[in-house]
């Protein structure tokens, strides 16, 4: 399979995605897009293939995004594309393209979504945390149930509709965690996030980032979480406390909010971006 990666060697996420592609059985083309930027037409094609809006393709951090006035809602798609061609640092990374798909692979593990197969040997990313595989599972999964019970998390509603769950595992298949969410329009309520006894230290943020990326793919652009004991962890990875009274009605009406989590549980939220 022919695969192209628009690569920035200064970006750890891009380096990690490239490392996986080099391990996989693909015919790989590496495009250093900062020196060989894609054309406006190619960027438009990447938007179409990835399902991202042009604005969602732009990187804000560490770029002249605000200085160029691109943060103004009145800036249209054509102007955004022109800015990306003139300033390729604005192109988020890494975009990975196959003959039929394109994906902004953030986190880097999402590059696996584009591959038919990959080596089942474990390896660590630049930050020392392991590369993970995300496996969809039903709410009826016995191992999910047992993991949540062991973590003192609610299980009464996990088999109800509109719940989405995943198993997180190393590339050799060792399960290191679980997580899920409920989608309510553009909002997602994260739930059932836990590690297993085999989980390496520091793996929690990777689990949540992968969960957020899946929620993003399902249309959510803001995440909420109810928690009793893990509020410091979620604050550390970008979540902020929210007054329940100001939360969207759909979030306040979930079983998690109404029944399963005590009134003392903290509600936190953050934007979901790639």
Protein backbone atom coordinates (compact mmCIF):
# COMPACT_ATOMS: atom_id res chain seq x y z
CA UNK A 1 0.00 0.00 0.00
CA UNK A 2 1.25 3.47 -0.89
CA UNK A 3 1.34 5.83 2.08
CA UNK A 4 2.47 9.46 2.25
CA UNK A 5 3.23 11.30 5.47
CA UNK A 6 3.50 15.09 5.64
CA UNK A 7 6.25 15.14 8.22
CA UNK A 8 7.78 17.69 10.57
CA UNK A 9 10.92 16.17 12.14
CA UNK A 10 10.74 18.69 15.00
CA UNK A 11 7.36 17.27 16.10
CA UNK A 12 7.34 14.25 18.42
CA UNK A 13 3.88 13.15 17.27
CA UNK A 14 5.05 13.23 13.66
CA UNK A 15 8.22 11.29 14.51
CA UNK A 16 6.19 8.64 16.35
CA UNK A 17 3.75 8.19 13.46
CA UNK A 18 6.66 7.94 11.03
CA UNK A 19 8.34 5.32 13.22
CA UNK A 20 5.23 3.13 13.04
CA UNK A 21 4.93 3.55 9.27
CA UNK A 22 8.57 2.53 8.88
CA UNK A 23 7.77 -0.66 10.81
CA UNK A 24 4.71 -1.45 8.70
CA UNK A 25 4.64 -3.07 5.27
CA UNK A 26 3.93 0.06 3.20
CA UNK A 27 5.46 1.90 0.29
CA UNK A 28 6.28 5.08 2.19
CA UNK A 29 6.82 8.61 0.88
CA UNK A 30 7.95 11.24 3.40
CA UNK A 31 7.14 14.84 2.50
CA UNK A 32 8.96 17.50 4.58
CA UNK A 33 6.07 19.90 4.19
CA UNK A 34 7.78 22.88 5.81
CA UNK A 35 10.21 23.05 2.87
CA UNK A 36 7.94 21.37 0.29
CA UNK A 37 4.45 22.59 1.22
CA UNK A 38 1.39 21.08 -0.45
CA UNK A 39 -0.51 23.20 -2.94
CA UNK A 40 -3.81 24.84 -2.14
CA UNK A 41 -5.56 22.19 -4.22
CA UNK A 42 -3.79 19.40 -2.33
CA UNK A 43 -4.79 20.93 1.01
CA UNK A 44 -8.38 21.06 -0.17
CA UNK A 45 -8.11 17.39 -1.13
CA UNK A 46 -6.70 16.51 2.30
CA UNK A 47 -9.66 18.28 3.89
CA UNK A 48 -12.06 16.20 1.79
CA UNK A 49 -10.27 12.88 2.39
CA UNK A 50 -9.89 13.42 6.13
CA UNK A 51 -13.35 14.83 6.77
CA UNK A 52 -11.82 17.80 8.57
CA UNK A 53 -12.78 21.37 7.90
CA UNK A 54 -9.95 23.59 6.72
CA UNK A 55 -10.02 25.37 10.08
CA UNK A 56 -9.63 22.02 11.86
CA UNK A 57 -6.51 21.35 9.76
CA UNK A 58 -4.72 24.42 11.10
CA UNK A 59 -2.21 24.33 13.93
CA UNK A 60 -2.49 27.29 16.30
CA UNK A 61 0.20 26.58 18.91
CA UNK A 62 3.65 27.82 17.96
CA UNK A 63 2.44 29.43 14.73
CA UNK A 64 1.50 32.96 13.56
CA UNK A 65 -2.18 31.96 13.71
CA UNK A 66 -3.32 34.89 15.86
CA UNK A 67 -0.81 37.37 14.47
CA UNK A 68 -2.29 36.81 11.00
CA UNK A 69 -5.79 37.33 12.35
CA UNK A 70 -6.84 33.80 11.46
CA UNK A 71 -8.63 33.37 14.78
CA UNK A 72 -11.41 35.64 13.55
CA UNK A 73 -14.55 33.66 12.57
CA UNK A 74 -14.99 35.95 9.56
CA UNK A 75 -11.85 34.52 7.88
CA UNK A 76 -13.18 32.19 5.20
CA UNK A 77 -11.85 28.87 3.94
CA UNK A 78 -10.08 30.35 0.93
CA UNK A 79 -8.15 32.80 3.09
CA UNK A 80 -7.20 30.01 5.49
CA UNK A 81 -5.90 27.87 2.65
CA UNK A 82 -3.88 30.78 1.24
CA UNK A 83 -2.35 31.36 4.69
CA UNK A 84 -1.40 27.68 5.01
CA UNK A 85 0.34 27.66 1.63
CA UNK A 86 2.23 30.87 2.45
CA UNK A 87 3.03 29.72 6.02
CA UNK A 88 3.22 25.89 6.02
CA UNK A 89 3.95 25.89 9.77
CA UNK A 90 0.18 26.47 10.04
CA UNK A 91 -0.50 22.98 8.65
CA UNK A 92 -1.10 20.62 11.56
CA UNK A 93 0.92 17.43 11.58
CA UNK A 94 1.29 14.74 10.69
CA UNK A 95 -1.16 14.18 7.85
CA UNK A 96 -0.94 10.59 6.63
CA UNK A 97 -2.49 9.73 3.26
CA UNK A 98 -3.38 6.42 1.61
CA UNK A 99 -4.97 6.01 -1.85
CA UNK A 100 -8.44 6.33 -0.29
CA UNK A 101 -8.04 8.11 3.05
CA UNK A 102 -6.24 10.88 4.86
CA UNK A 103 -5.95 11.37 8.58
CA UNK A 104 -4.42 13.92 10.90
CA UNK A 105 -2.69 11.41 13.14
CA UNK A 106 -2.91 13.05 16.52
CA UNK A 107 -2.28 11.17 18.76
CA UNK A 108 0.29 9.26 16.74
CA UNK A 109 -1.36 5.91 17.51
CA UNK A 110 -4.27 6.85 15.24
CA UNK A 111 -2.00 6.07 12.28
CA UNK A 112 -2.98 2.45 12.92
CA UNK A 113 -6.47 3.31 11.62
CA UNK A 114 -4.96 3.58 8.14
CA UNK A 115 -2.97 0.35 8.18
CA UNK A 116 -4.05 -3.19 7.36
CA UNK A 117 -1.44 -4.70 9.64
CA UNK A 118 1.61 -3.77 11.66
CA UNK A 119 4.36 -5.52 13.64
CA UNK A 120 3.20 -6.81 17.02
CA UNK A 121 6.38 -5.84 18.83
CA UNK A 122 6.05 -3.17 21.51
CA UNK A 123 7.91 0.08 21.21
CA UNK A 124 7.98 3.36 23.07
CA UNK A 125 7.24 6.82 21.76
CA UNK A 126 9.65 9.73 22.12
CA UNK A 127 8.34 10.54 25.60
CA UNK A 128 8.96 6.99 26.82
CA UNK A 129 5.31 5.93 26.93
CA UNK A 130 4.28 2.84 24.96
CA UNK A 131 2.57 2.96 21.59
CA UNK A 132 -1.01 1.75 22.13
CA UNK A 133 -3.68 0.02 20.07
CA UNK A 134 -7.33 1.02 20.55
CA UNK A 135 -9.88 -1.80 20.23
CA UNK A 136 -13.66 -1.14 20.23
CA UNK A 137 -15.56 -3.40 22.65
CA UNK A 138 -19.22 -3.78 23.68
CA UNK A 139 -20.50 -2.68 27.06
CA UNK A 140 -21.22 -6.35 27.76
CA UNK A 141 -17.50 -7.21 27.74
CA UNK A 142 -16.78 -9.16 30.93
CA UNK A 143 -13.23 -7.86 31.28
CA UNK A 144 -14.49 -4.26 31.02
CA UNK A 145 -17.05 -4.97 33.75
CA UNK A 146 -14.44 -6.50 36.05
CA UNK A 147 -11.96 -3.68 35.47
CA UNK A 148 -14.56 -1.05 36.34
CA UNK A 149 -15.62 -2.91 39.48
CA UNK A 150 -11.98 -3.14 40.56
CA UNK A 151 -11.63 0.61 39.98
CA UNK A 152 -14.83 1.36 41.94
CA UNK A 153 -16.48 2.85 38.85
CA UNK A 154 -20.19 2.50 37.96
CA UNK A 155 -21.27 -0.49 35.88
CA UNK A 156 -25.08 -0.32 36.13
CA UNK A 157 -25.55 1.34 32.73
CA UNK A 158 -22.63 0.11 30.64
CA UNK A 159 -24.81 -2.13 28.47
CA UNK A 160 -27.28 0.61 27.62
CA UNK A 161 -27.37 2.08 24.11
CA UNK A 162 -25.38 5.18 23.19
CA UNK A 163 -22.37 3.99 25.18
CA UNK A 164 -19.09 3.50 23.34
CA UNK A 165 -16.20 1.61 24.92
CA UNK A 166 -12.62 0.76 24.04
CA UNK A 167 -9.85 -1.48 25.27
CA UNK A 168 -6.34 -0.06 25.23
CA UNK A 169 -3.50 -2.50 24.76
CA UNK A 170 0.17 -2.70 23.92
CA UNK A 171 1.02 -3.87 20.43
CA UNK A 172 1.69 -7.37 21.76
CA UNK A 173 -1.88 -7.49 23.08
CA UNK A 174 -1.33 -6.79 26.80
CA UNK A 175 -4.37 -4.85 28.04
CA UNK A 176 -3.46 -1.68 29.95
CA UNK A 177 -6.75 0.18 30.26
CA UNK A 178 -10.35 0.86 29.31
CA UNK A 179 -12.42 3.92 28.57
CA UNK A 180 -15.62 5.09 26.97
CA UNK A 181 -17.97 7.96 26.32
CA UNK A 182 -21.51 9.02 25.57
CA UNK A 183 -22.04 11.39 22.64
CA UNK A 184 -24.60 14.17 23.07
CA UNK A 185 -24.45 16.28 19.93
CA UNK A 186 -21.17 18.18 19.99
CA UNK A 187 -20.52 17.16 23.61
CA UNK A 188 -19.05 13.92 24.94
CA UNK A 189 -19.24 12.62 28.48
CA UNK A 190 -16.11 10.57 29.15
CA UNK A 191 -16.66 7.65 31.48
CA UNK A 192 -15.29 4.30 32.59
CA UNK A 193 -11.66 5.42 32.22
CA UNK A 194 -9.37 3.12 34.15
CA UNK A 195 -6.00 1.46 33.97
CA UNK A 196 -5.24 -2.21 34.58
CA UNK A 197 -2.68 -3.63 36.97
CA UNK A 198 -0.28 -4.03 34.01
CA UNK A 199 -0.48 -0.36 33.05
CA UNK A 200 2.83 1.48 32.98
CA UNK A 201 3.29 4.67 34.95
CA UNK A 202 2.32 7.76 32.96
CA UNK A 203 0.01 5.93 30.58
CA UNK A 204 -3.15 7.70 31.79
CA UNK A 205 -2.80 10.83 29.62
CA UNK A 206 -2.31 8.66 26.53
CA UNK A 207 -5.54 6.78 27.27
CA UNK A 208 -7.51 10.01 27.59
CA UNK A 209 -5.97 11.58 24.48
CA UNK A 210 -6.87 8.51 22.44
CA UNK A 211 -10.38 8.55 23.88
CA UNK A 212 -10.75 12.23 22.98
CA UNK A 213 -9.60 11.54 19.43
CA UNK A 214 -12.26 8.85 19.06
CA UNK A 215 -14.92 11.20 20.42
CA UNK A 216 -13.71 13.83 17.93
CA UNK A 217 -14.17 11.31 15.10
CA UNK A 218 -17.73 10.78 16.36
CA UNK A 219 -18.47 14.50 16.08
CA UNK A 220 -17.81 15.77 19.61
CA UNK A 221 -15.89 18.99 20.10
CA UNK A 222 -16.12 19.35 23.89
CA UNK A 223 -15.56 16.70 26.56
CA UNK A 224 -16.97 16.47 30.07
CA UNK A 225 -16.06 14.12 32.89
CA UNK A 226 -17.56 13.44 36.33
CA UNK A 227 -15.10 12.20 38.91
CA UNK A 228 -14.70 11.86 42.65
CA UNK A 229 -11.01 11.14 43.05
CA UNK A 230 -9.36 11.87 39.70
CA UNK A 231 -10.02 15.59 39.36
CA UNK A 232 -6.32 16.54 39.87
CA UNK A 233 -5.33 14.16 37.05
CA UNK A 234 -7.89 15.60 34.63
CA UNK A 235 -6.95 19.19 35.54
CA UNK A 236 -3.33 18.37 34.78
CA UNK A 237 -4.23 17.30 31.23
CA UNK A 238 -6.25 20.38 30.36
CA UNK A 239 -9.68 19.93 31.94
CA UNK A 240 -11.23 22.79 33.91
CA UNK A 241 -13.86 22.72 36.64
CA UNK A 242 -17.42 23.47 35.55
CA UNK A 243 -20.45 24.43 37.60
CA UNK A 244 -23.01 21.69 36.99
CA UNK A 245 -25.74 24.31 36.65
CA UNK A 246 -23.99 25.75 33.58
CA UNK A 247 -23.35 22.41 31.87
CA UNK A 248 -25.42 21.45 28.80
CA UNK A 249 -28.78 19.93 29.65
CA UNK A 250 -27.84 16.69 27.86
CA UNK A 251 -24.83 16.25 30.16
CA UNK A 252 -26.80 17.10 33.31
CA UNK A 253 -29.49 14.60 32.29
CA UNK A 254 -27.20 11.57 31.91
CA UNK A 255 -27.51 8.69 34.35
CA UNK A 256 -23.96 9.41 35.41
CA UNK A 257 -24.96 12.91 36.54
CA UNK A 258 -28.42 12.08 37.91
CA UNK A 259 -27.87 8.72 39.59
CA UNK A 260 -24.52 7.02 39.36
CA UNK A 261 -22.09 9.73 40.46
CA UNK A 262 -22.65 11.45 43.81
CA UNK A 263 -23.43 15.15 44.02
CA UNK A 264 -19.93 15.63 45.43
CA UNK A 265 -18.33 14.47 42.16
CA UNK A 266 -16.49 17.20 40.29
CA UNK A 267 -17.56 18.08 36.76
CA UNK A 268 -14.73 19.10 34.46
CA UNK A 269 -14.56 20.01 30.79
CA UNK A 270 -12.17 20.82 27.95
CA UNK A 271 -12.32 21.45 24.24
CA UNK A 272 -11.51 18.49 21.98
CA UNK A 273 -8.99 19.45 19.35
CA UNK A 274 -6.39 17.56 17.37
